[in-house]
Amino acid sequence: MTTLDQAERAQFIAIHPEWTIEGEALTRTFALADFNEAMGFVNRVALAAEVADHHPDIDIRWNRVTIVLTTHSAGGLTPKDTTLATTIDGF
């Protein structure tokens, strides 16, 4: 799988400004109402990741959840990352 070029990265960020590109990863922190909501959100992300066979790094801090997406096997950002990020935005 090929990595995203600069135009594809810019296009994704233009449509999804809450995400940032840090090196070769997409990152976003979500603020939820409380720990229970954060865990429910993480469970929805986990199910979507299983379906996509693409697993993000997830950091949980009480009501804040940080998602980091990269395609390790491709050495950077790919459509797998932007597709899963778009799915996560829908939760």
PDB file of N, CA and C in Angstrom:
ATOM      1  N   MET A   1       0.846  -1.172   0.000  1.00  0.00           N
ATOM      2  CA  MET A   1       0.000   0.000   0.000  1.00  0.00           C
ATOM      3  C   MET A   1       0.895   1.240   0.000  1.00  0.00           C
ATOM      4  N   THR A   2       0.573   2.207  -0.852  1.00  0.00           N
ATOM      5  CA  THR A   2       1.394   3.413  -0.934  1.00  0.00           C
ATOM      6  C   THR A   2       0.940   4.440   0.099  1.00  0.00           C
ATOM      7  N   THR A   3       1.877   5.253   0.516  1.00  0.00           N
ATOM      8  CA  THR A   3       1.564   6.298   1.492  1.00  0.00           C
ATOM      9  C   THR A   3       0.917   7.494   0.802  1.00  0.00           C
ATOM     10  N   LEU A   4       0.239   8.294   1.609  1.00  0.00           N
ATOM     11  CA  LEU A   4      -0.427   9.481   1.086  1.00  0.00           C
ATOM     12  C   LEU A   4       0.593  10.536   0.693  1.00  0.00           C
ATOM     13  N   ASP A   5       0.358  11.212  -0.427  1.00  0.00           N
ATOM     14  CA  ASP A   5       1.238  12.313  -0.811  1.00  0.00           C
ATOM     15  C   ASP A   5       0.788  13.594  -0.092  1.00  0.00           C
ATOM     16  N   GLN A   6       1.533  14.654  -0.273  1.00  0.00           N
ATOM     17  CA  GLN A   6       1.248  15.905   0.440  1.00  0.00           C
ATOM     18  C   GLN A   6      -0.140  16.462   0.106  1.00  0.00           C
ATOM     19  N   ALA A   7      -0.555  16.356  -1.143  1.00  0.00           N
ATOM     20  CA  ALA A   7      -1.876  16.863  -1.542  1.00  0.00           C
ATOM     21  C   ALA A   7      -2.986  16.074  -0.856  1.00  0.00           C
ATOM     22  N   GLU A   8      -2.843  14.758  -0.785  1.00  0.00           N
ATOM     23  CA  GLU A   8      -3.847  13.912  -0.123  1.00  0.00           C
ATOM     24  C   GLU A   8      -3.906  14.201   1.370  1.00  0.00           C
ATOM     25  N   ARG A   9      -2.761  14.443   1.975  1.00  0.00           N
ATOM     26  CA  ARG A   9      -2.722  14.791   3.403  1.00  0.00           C
ATOM     27  C   ARG A   9      -3.418  16.126   3.644  1.00  0.00           C
ATOM     28  N   ALA A  10      -3.102  17.114   2.802  1.00  0.00           N
ATOM     29  CA  ALA A  10      -3.710  18.445   2.950  1.00  0.00           C
ATOM     30  C   ALA A  10      -5.214  18.380   2.739  1.00  0.00           C
ATOM     31  N   GLN A  11      -5.653  17.585   1.781  1.00  0.00           N
ATOM     32  CA  GLN A  11      -7.084  17.451   1.514  1.00  0.00           C
ATOM     33  C   GLN A  11      -7.798  16.836   2.724  1.00  0.00           C
ATOM     34  N   PHE A  12      -7.210  15.814   3.328  1.00  0.00           N
ATOM     35  CA  PHE A  12      -7.828  15.203   4.507  1.00  0.00           C
ATOM     36  C   PHE A  12      -7.938  16.217   5.640  1.00  0.00           C
ATOM     37  N   ILE A  13      -6.867  16.936   5.918  1.00  0.00           N
ATOM     38  CA  ILE A  13      -6.870  17.908   7.022  1.00  0.00           C
ATOM     39  C   ILE A  13      -7.860  19.043   6.748  1.00  0.00           C
ATOM     40  N   ALA A  14      -8.011  19.432   5.500  1.00  0.00           N
ATOM     41  CA  ALA A  14      -8.982  20.482   5.165  1.00  0.00           C
ATOM     42  C   ALA A  14     -10.403  20.042   5.502  1.00  0.00           C
ATOM     43  N   ILE A  15     -10.685  18.772   5.312  1.00  0.00           N
ATOM     44  CA  ILE A  15     -12.025  18.244   5.590  1.00  0.00           C
ATOM     45  C   ILE A  15     -12.182  17.858   7.067  1.00  0.00           C
ATOM     46  N   HIS A  16     -11.086  17.495   7.711  1.00  0.00           N
ATOM     47  CA  HIS A  16     -11.094  17.018   9.105  1.00  0.00           C
ATOM     48  C   HIS A  16     -10.090  17.825   9.930  1.00  0.00           C
ATOM     49  N   PRO A  17     -10.360  19.105  10.178  1.00  0.00           N
ATOM     50  CA  PRO A  17      -9.366  19.959  10.838  1.00  0.00           C
ATOM     51  C   PRO A  17      -9.071  19.602  12.296  1.00  0.00           C
ATOM     52  N   GLU A  18      -9.890  18.733  12.897  1.00  0.00           N
ATOM     53  CA  GLU A  18      -9.622  18.336  14.283  1.00  0.00           C
ATOM     54  C   GLU A  18      -8.441  17.367  14.381  1.00  0.00           C
ATOM     55  N   TRP A  19      -8.111  16.738  13.276  1.00  0.00           N
ATOM     56  CA  TRP A  19      -6.970  15.823  13.228  1.00  0.00           C
ATOM     57  C   TRP A  19      -5.714  16.609  12.888  1.00  0.00           C
ATOM     58  N   THR A  20      -4.587  16.169  13.388  1.00  0.00           N
ATOM     59  CA  THR A  20      -3.304  16.763  13.023  1.00  0.00           C
ATOM     60  C   THR A  20      -2.401  15.660  12.485  1.00  0.00           C
ATOM     61  N   ILE A  21      -1.475  16.064  11.662  1.00  0.00           N
ATOM     62  CA  ILE A  21      -0.461  15.136  11.183  1.00  0.00           C
ATOM     63  C   ILE A  21       0.810  15.437  11.948  1.00  0.00           C
ATOM     64  N   GLU A  22       1.287  14.427  12.653  1.00  0.00           N
ATOM     65  CA  GLU A  22       2.519  14.539  13.431  1.00  0.00           C
ATOM     66  C   GLU A  22       3.471  13.480  12.901  1.00  0.00           C
ATOM     67  N   GLY A  23       4.436  13.925  12.131  1.00  0.00           N
ATOM     68  CA  GLY A  23       5.343  12.971  11.491  1.00  0.00           C
ATOM     69  C   GLY A  23       4.575  12.144  10.492  1.00  0.00           C
ATOM     70  N   GLU A  24       4.526  10.850  10.697  1.00  0.00           N
ATOM     71  CA  GLU A  24       3.808   9.932   9.809  1.00  0.00           C
ATOM     72  C   GLU A  24       2.573   9.360  10.495  1.00  0.00           C
ATOM     73  N   ALA A  25       1.905  10.181  11.318  1.00  0.00           N
ATOM     74  CA  ALA A  25       0.724   9.708  12.037  1.00  0.00           C
ATOM     75  C   ALA A  25      -0.359  10.779  12.075  1.00  0.00           C
ATOM     76  N   LEU A  26      -1.606  10.314  12.053  1.00  0.00           N
ATOM     77  CA  LEU A  26      -2.755  11.179  12.286  1.00  0.00           C
ATOM     78  C   LEU A  26      -3.080  11.097  13.767  1.00  0.00           C
ATOM     79  N   THR A  27      -3.333  12.253  14.387  1.00  0.00           N
ATOM     80  CA  THR A  27      -3.605  12.290  15.818  1.00  0.00           C
ATOM     81  C   THR A  27      -4.799  13.182  16.096  1.00  0.00           C
ATOM     82  N   ARG A  28      -5.622  12.735  17.028  1.00  0.00           N
ATOM     83  CA  ARG A  28      -6.732  13.570  17.492  1.00  0.00           C
ATOM     84  C   ARG A  28      -7.059  13.190  18.926  1.00  0.00           C
ATOM     85  N   THR A  29      -7.340  14.215  19.748  1.00  0.00           N
ATOM     86  CA  THR A  29      -7.792  13.990  21.116  1.00  0.00           C
ATOM     87  C   THR A  29      -9.262  14.359  21.205  1.00  0.00           C
ATOM     88  N   PHE A  30     -10.039  13.451  21.743  1.00  0.00           N
ATOM     89  CA  PHE A  30     -11.474  13.638  21.932  1.00  0.00           C
ATOM     90  C   PHE A  30     -11.740  13.897  23.416  1.00  0.00           C
ATOM     91  N   ALA A  31     -12.550  14.897  23.725  1.00  0.00           N
ATOM     92  CA  ALA A  31     -12.963  15.175  25.099  1.00  0.00           C
ATOM     93  C   ALA A  31     -14.404  14.688  25.259  1.00  0.00           C
ATOM     94  N   LEU A  32     -14.596  13.752  26.162  1.00  0.00           N
ATOM     95  CA  LEU A  32     -15.906  13.180  26.430  1.00  0.00           C
ATOM     96  C   LEU A  32     -16.422  13.685  27.778  1.00  0.00           C
ATOM     97  N   ALA A  33     -17.661  13.387  28.107  1.00  0.00           N
ATOM     98  CA  ALA A  33     -18.280  13.898  29.331  1.00  0.00           C
ATOM     99  C   ALA A  33     -17.617  13.355  30.593  1.00  0.00           C
ATOM    100  N   ASP A  34     -17.263  12.067  30.584  1.00  0.00           N
ATOM    101  CA  ASP A  34     -16.680  11.449  31.773  1.00  0.00           C
ATOM    102  C   ASP A  34     -15.996  10.142  31.362  1.00  0.00           C
ATOM    103  N   PHE A  35     -15.493   9.428  32.345  1.00  0.00           N
ATOM    104  CA  PHE A  35     -14.761   8.190  32.079  1.00  0.00           C
ATOM    105  C   PHE A  35     -15.648   7.152  31.393  1.00  0.00           C
ATOM    106  N   ASN A  36     -16.880   7.032  31.839  1.00  0.00           N
ATOM    107  CA  ASN A  36     -17.794   6.054  31.254  1.00  0.00           C
ATOM    108  C   ASN A  36     -18.017   6.328  29.767  1.00  0.00           C
ATOM    109  N   GLU A  37     -18.227   7.573  29.406  1.00  0.00           N
ATOM    110  CA  GLU A  37     -18.394   7.924  27.989  1.00  0.00           C
ATOM    111  C   GLU A  37     -17.110   7.674  27.207  1.00  0.00           C
ATOM    112  N   ALA A  38     -15.981   7.965  27.827  1.00  0.00           N
ATOM    113  CA  ALA A  38     -14.698   7.729  27.160  1.00  0.00           C
ATOM    114  C   ALA A  38     -14.520   6.246  26.855  1.00  0.00           C
ATOM    115  N   MET A  39     -14.863   5.390  27.803  1.00  0.00           N
ATOM    116  CA  MET A  39     -14.710   3.954  27.593  1.00  0.00           C
ATOM    117  C   MET A  39     -15.688   3.444  26.533  1.00  0.00           C
ATOM    118  N   GLY A  40     -16.896   3.984  26.508  1.00  0.00           N
ATOM    119  CA  GLY A  40     -17.841   3.604  25.461  1.00  0.00           C
ATOM    120  C   GLY A  40     -17.323   3.993  24.090  1.00  0.00           C
ATOM    121  N   PHE A  41     -16.752   5.187  24.004  1.00  0.00           N
ATOM    122  CA  PHE A  41     -16.158   5.659  22.756  1.00  0.00           C
ATOM    123  C   PHE A  41     -15.022   4.735  22.324  1.00  0.00           C
ATOM    124  N   VAL A  42     -14.150   4.377  23.259  1.00  0.00           N
ATOM    125  CA  VAL A  42     -13.020   3.493  22.948  1.00  0.00           C
ATOM    126  C   VAL A  42     -13.529   2.139  22.455  1.00  0.00           C
ATOM    127  N   ASN A  43     -14.585   1.627  23.046  1.00  0.00           N
ATOM    128  CA  ASN A  43     -15.139   0.354  22.586  1.00  0.00           C
ATOM    129  C   ASN A  43     -15.666   0.458  21.162  1.00  0.00           C
ATOM    130  N   ARG A  44     -16.302   1.571  20.801  1.00  0.00           N
ATOM    131  CA  ARG A  44     -16.771   1.762  19.425  1.00  0.00           C
ATOM    132  C   ARG A  44     -15.581   1.835  18.467  1.00  0.00           C
ATOM    133  N   VAL A  45     -14.530   2.541  18.871  1.00  0.00           N
ATOM    134  CA  VAL A  45     -13.319   2.616  18.048  1.00  0.00           C
ATOM    135  C   VAL A  45     -12.716   1.225  17.882  1.00  0.00           C
ATOM    136  N   ALA A  46     -12.660   0.461  18.950  1.00  0.00           N
ATOM    137  CA  ALA A  46     -12.083  -0.881  18.886  1.00  0.00           C
ATOM    138  C   ALA A  46     -12.849  -1.778  17.917  1.00  0.00           C
ATOM    139  N   LEU A  47     -14.165  -1.702  17.943  1.00  0.00           N
ATOM    140  CA  LEU A  47     -14.965  -2.512  17.018  1.00  0.00           C
ATOM    141  C   LEU A  47     -14.719  -2.099  15.571  1.00  0.00           C
ATOM    142  N   ALA A  48     -14.678  -0.792  15.320  1.00  0.00           N
ATOM    143  CA  ALA A  48     -14.405  -0.308  13.963  1.00  0.00           C
ATOM    144  C   ALA A  48     -13.008  -0.718  13.513  1.00  0.00           C
ATOM    145  N   ALA A  49     -12.050  -0.674  14.417  1.00  0.00           N
ATOM    146  CA  ALA A  49     -10.678  -1.062  14.085  1.00  0.00           C
ATOM    147  C   ALA A  49     -10.605  -2.550  13.730  1.00  0.00           C
ATOM    148  N   GLU A  50     -11.329  -3.374  14.458  1.00  0.00           N
ATOM    149  CA  GLU A  50     -11.356  -4.805  14.152  1.00  0.00           C
ATOM    150  C   GLU A  50     -11.946  -5.058  12.770  1.00  0.00           C
ATOM    151  N   VAL A  51     -13.051  -4.391  12.471  1.00  0.00           N
ATOM    152  CA  VAL A  51     -13.684  -4.552  11.161  1.00  0.00           C
ATOM    153  C   VAL A  51     -12.725  -4.122  10.055  1.00  0.00           C
ATOM    154  N   ALA A  52     -12.002  -3.018  10.284  1.00  0.00           N
ATOM    155  CA  ALA A  52     -11.067  -2.488   9.283  1.00  0.00           C
ATOM    156  C   ALA A  52      -9.740  -3.242   9.269  1.00  0.00           C
ATOM    157  N   ASP A  53      -9.502  -4.078  10.263  1.00  0.00           N
ATOM    158  CA  ASP A  53      -8.217  -4.755  10.444  1.00  0.00           C
ATOM    159  C   ASP A  53      -7.082  -3.733  10.442  1.00  0.00           C
ATOM    160  N   HIS A  54      -7.316  -2.658  11.203  1.00  0.00           N
ATOM    161  CA  HIS A  54      -6.347  -1.563  11.301  1.00  0.00           C
ATOM    162  C   HIS A  54      -6.477  -0.979  12.700  1.00  0.00           C
ATOM    163  N   HIS A  55      -5.459  -1.123  13.507  1.00  0.00           N
ATOM    164  CA  HIS A  55      -5.574  -0.862  14.937  1.00  0.00           C
ATOM    165  C   HIS A  55      -4.772   0.362  15.376  1.00  0.00           C
ATOM    166  N   PRO A  56      -5.458   1.377  15.890  1.00  0.00           N
ATOM    167  CA  PRO A  56      -4.782   2.604  16.308  1.00  0.00           C
ATOM    168  C   PRO A  56      -4.138   2.455  17.682  1.00  0.00           C
ATOM    169  N   ASP A  57      -3.249   3.382  17.993  1.00  0.00           N
ATOM    170  CA  ASP A  57      -2.785   3.554  19.362  1.00  0.00           C
ATOM    171  C   ASP A  57      -3.846   4.393  20.058  1.00  0.00           C
ATOM    172  N   ILE A  58      -4.226   3.991  21.265  1.00  0.00           N
ATOM    173  CA  ILE A  58      -5.274   4.678  22.012  1.00  0.00           C
ATOM    174  C   ILE A  58      -4.747   4.992  23.407  1.00  0.00           C
ATOM    175  N   ASP A  59      -4.845   6.263  23.797  1.00  0.00           N
ATOM    176  CA  ASP A  59      -4.448   6.704  25.133  1.00  0.00           C
ATOM    177  C   ASP A  59      -5.693   7.252  25.823  1.00  0.00           C
ATOM    178  N   ILE A  60      -6.018   6.704  27.004  1.00  0.00           N
ATOM    179  CA  ILE A  60      -7.208   7.108  27.743  1.00  0.00           C
ATOM    180  C   ILE A  60      -6.779   7.831  29.011  1.00  0.00           C
ATOM    181  N   ARG A  61      -7.296   9.039  29.200  1.00  0.00           N
ATOM    182  CA  ARG A  61      -7.031   9.840  30.401  1.00  0.00           C
ATOM    183  C   ARG A  61      -8.356  10.375  30.925  1.00  0.00           C
ATOM    184  N   TRP A  62      -8.996   9.645  31.796  1.00  0.00           N
ATOM    185  CA  TRP A  62     -10.304   9.909  32.375  1.00  0.00           C
ATOM    186  C   TRP A  62     -11.342  10.211  31.302  1.00  0.00           C
ATOM    187  N   ASN A  63     -11.503  11.472  30.897  1.00  0.00           N
ATOM    188  CA  ASN A  63     -12.518  11.792  29.892  1.00  0.00           C
ATOM    189  C   ASN A  63     -11.901  12.196  28.553  1.00  0.00           C
ATOM    190  N   ARG A  64     -10.614  11.997  28.400  1.00  0.00           N
ATOM    191  CA  ARG A  64      -9.924  12.372  27.163  1.00  0.00           C
ATOM    192  C   ARG A  64      -9.334  11.120  26.529  1.00  0.00           C
ATOM    193  N   VAL A  65      -9.567  10.987  25.223  1.00  0.00           N
ATOM    194  CA  VAL A  65      -9.066   9.841  24.483  1.00  0.00           C
ATOM    195  C   VAL A  65      -8.267  10.364  23.291  1.00  0.00           C
ATOM    196  N   THR A  66      -7.024   9.955  23.199  1.00  0.00           N
ATOM    197  CA  THR A  66      -6.183  10.331  22.068  1.00  0.00           C
ATOM    198  C   THR A  66      -6.007   9.120  21.170  1.00  0.00           C
ATOM    199  N   ILE A  67      -6.295   9.335  19.889  1.00  0.00           N
ATOM    200  CA  ILE A  67      -6.168   8.296  18.874  1.00  0.00           C
ATOM    201  C   ILE A  67      -4.994   8.664  17.970  1.00  0.00           C
ATOM    202  N   VAL A  68      -4.125   7.699  17.704  1.00  0.00           N
ATOM    203  CA  VAL A  68      -3.010   7.888  16.787  1.00  0.00           C
ATOM    204  C   VAL A  68      -3.084   6.784  15.729  1.00  0.00           C
ATOM    205  N   LEU A  69      -3.105   7.202  14.475  1.00  0.00           N
ATOM    206  CA  LEU A  69      -3.213   6.272  13.351  1.00  0.00           C
ATOM    207  C   LEU A  69      -1.999   6.386  12.441  1.00  0.00           C
ATOM    208  N   THR A  70      -1.427   5.255  12.097  1.00  0.00           N
ATOM    209  CA  THR A  70      -0.377   5.169  11.086  1.00  0.00           C
ATOM    210  C   THR A  70      -0.369   3.737  10.576  1.00  0.00           C
ATOM    211  N   THR A  71       0.105   3.539   9.375  1.00  0.00           N
ATOM    212  CA  THR A  71       0.195   2.189   8.812  1.00  0.00           C
ATOM    213  C   THR A  71       1.661   1.766   8.883  1.00  0.00           C
ATOM    214  N   HIS A  72       1.985   1.045   9.931  1.00  0.00           N
ATOM    215  CA  HIS A  72       3.379   0.651  10.170  1.00  0.00           C
ATOM    216  C   HIS A  72       3.962  -0.133   8.997  1.00  0.00           C
ATOM    217  N   SER A  73       3.171  -1.026   8.430  1.00  0.00           N
ATOM    218  CA  SER A  73       3.686  -1.873   7.349  1.00  0.00           C
ATOM    219  C   SER A  73       4.035  -1.070   6.087  1.00  0.00           C
ATOM    220  N   ALA A  74       3.422   0.111   5.936  1.00  0.00           N
ATOM    221  CA  ALA A  74       3.715   0.973   4.775  1.00  0.00           C
ATOM    222  C   ALA A  74       4.707   2.070   5.125  1.00  0.00           C
ATOM    223  N   GLY A  75       5.015   2.214   6.394  1.00  0.00           N
ATOM    224  CA  GLY A  75       5.974   3.234   6.810  1.00  0.00           C
ATOM    225  C   GLY A  75       5.413   4.644   6.828  1.00  0.00           C
ATOM    226  N   GLY A  76       4.097   4.778   6.977  1.00  0.00           N
ATOM    227  CA  GLY A  76       3.511   6.119   7.035  1.00  0.00           C
ATOM    228  C   GLY A  76       2.013   6.098   6.865  1.00  0.00           C
ATOM    229  N   LEU A  77       1.482   7.249   6.525  1.00  0.00           N
ATOM    230  CA  LEU A  77       0.036   7.419   6.369  1.00  0.00           C
ATOM    231  C   LEU A  77      -0.454   6.832   5.053  1.00  0.00           C
ATOM    232  N   THR A  78      -1.560   6.102   5.147  1.00  0.00           N
ATOM    233  CA  THR A  78      -2.179   5.499   3.957  1.00  0.00           C
ATOM    234  C   THR A  78      -3.682   5.751   4.013  1.00  0.00           C
ATOM    235  N   PRO A  79      -4.379   5.379   2.958  1.00  0.00           N
ATOM    236  CA  PRO A  79      -5.841   5.497   2.993  1.00  0.00           C
ATOM    237  C   PRO A  79      -6.488   4.713   4.141  1.00  0.00           C
ATOM    238  N   LYS A  80      -5.842   3.664   4.633  1.00  0.00           N
ATOM    239  CA  LYS A  80      -6.386   2.945   5.788  1.00  0.00           C
ATOM    240  C   LYS A  80      -6.528   3.875   6.983  1.00  0.00           C
ATOM    241  N   ASP A  81      -5.572   4.784   7.153  1.00  0.00           N
ATOM    242  CA  ASP A  81      -5.603   5.711   8.279  1.00  0.00           C
ATOM    243  C   ASP A  81      -6.713   6.742   8.121  1.00  0.00           C
ATOM    244  N   THR A  82      -6.811   7.333   6.947  1.00  0.00           N
ATOM    245  CA  THR A  82      -7.827   8.365   6.744  1.00  0.00           C
ATOM    246  C   THR A  82      -9.229   7.769   6.748  1.00  0.00           C
ATOM    247  N   THR A  83      -9.369   6.556   6.257  1.00  0.00           N
ATOM    248  CA  THR A  83     -10.679   5.902   6.281  1.00  0.00           C
ATOM    249  C   THR A  83     -11.121   5.619   7.716  1.00  0.00           C
ATOM    250  N   LEU A  84     -10.225   5.084   8.536  1.00  0.00           N
ATOM    251  CA  LEU A  84     -10.583   4.813   9.925  1.00  0.00           C
ATOM    252  C   LEU A  84     -10.813   6.122  10.681  1.00  0.00           C
ATOM    253  N   ALA A  85     -10.021   7.134  10.422  1.00  0.00           N
ATOM    254  CA  ALA A  85     -10.227   8.432  11.083  1.00  0.00           C
ATOM    255  C   ALA A  85     -11.602   8.996  10.742  1.00  0.00           C
ATOM    256  N   THR A  86     -12.007   8.879   9.496  1.00  0.00           N
ATOM    257  CA  THR A  86     -13.330   9.348   9.076  1.00  0.00           C
ATOM    258  C   THR A  86     -14.423   8.565   9.800  1.00  0.00           C
ATOM    259  N   THR A  87     -14.249   7.270   9.926  1.00  0.00           N
ATOM    260  CA  THR A  87     -15.215   6.449  10.664  1.00  0.00           C
ATOM    261  C   THR A  87     -15.296   6.904  12.109  1.00  0.00           C
ATOM    262  N   ILE A  88     -14.156   7.119  12.735  1.00  0.00           N
ATOM    263  CA  ILE A  88     -14.115   7.548  14.132  1.00  0.00           C
ATOM    264  C   ILE A  88     -14.799   8.895  14.307  1.00  0.00           C
ATOM    265  N   ASP A  89     -14.626   9.788  13.358  1.00  0.00           N
ATOM    266  CA  ASP A  89     -15.300  11.090  13.427  1.00  0.00           C
ATOM    267  C   ASP A  89     -16.805  10.954  13.483  1.00  0.00           C
ATOM    268  N   GLY A  90     -17.345   9.847  12.983  1.00  0.00           N
ATOM    269  CA  GLY A  90     -18.778   9.645  12.979  1.00  0.00           C
ATOM    270  C   GLY A  90     -19.354   9.166  14.304  1.00  0.00           C
ATOM    271  N   PHE A  91     -18.508   8.875  15.280  1.00  0.00           N
ATOM    272  CA  PHE A  91     -19.004   8.370  16.581  1.00  0.00           C
ATOM    273  C   PHE A  91     -19.427   9.498  17.480  1.00  0.00           C
TER     274      PHE A  91
END
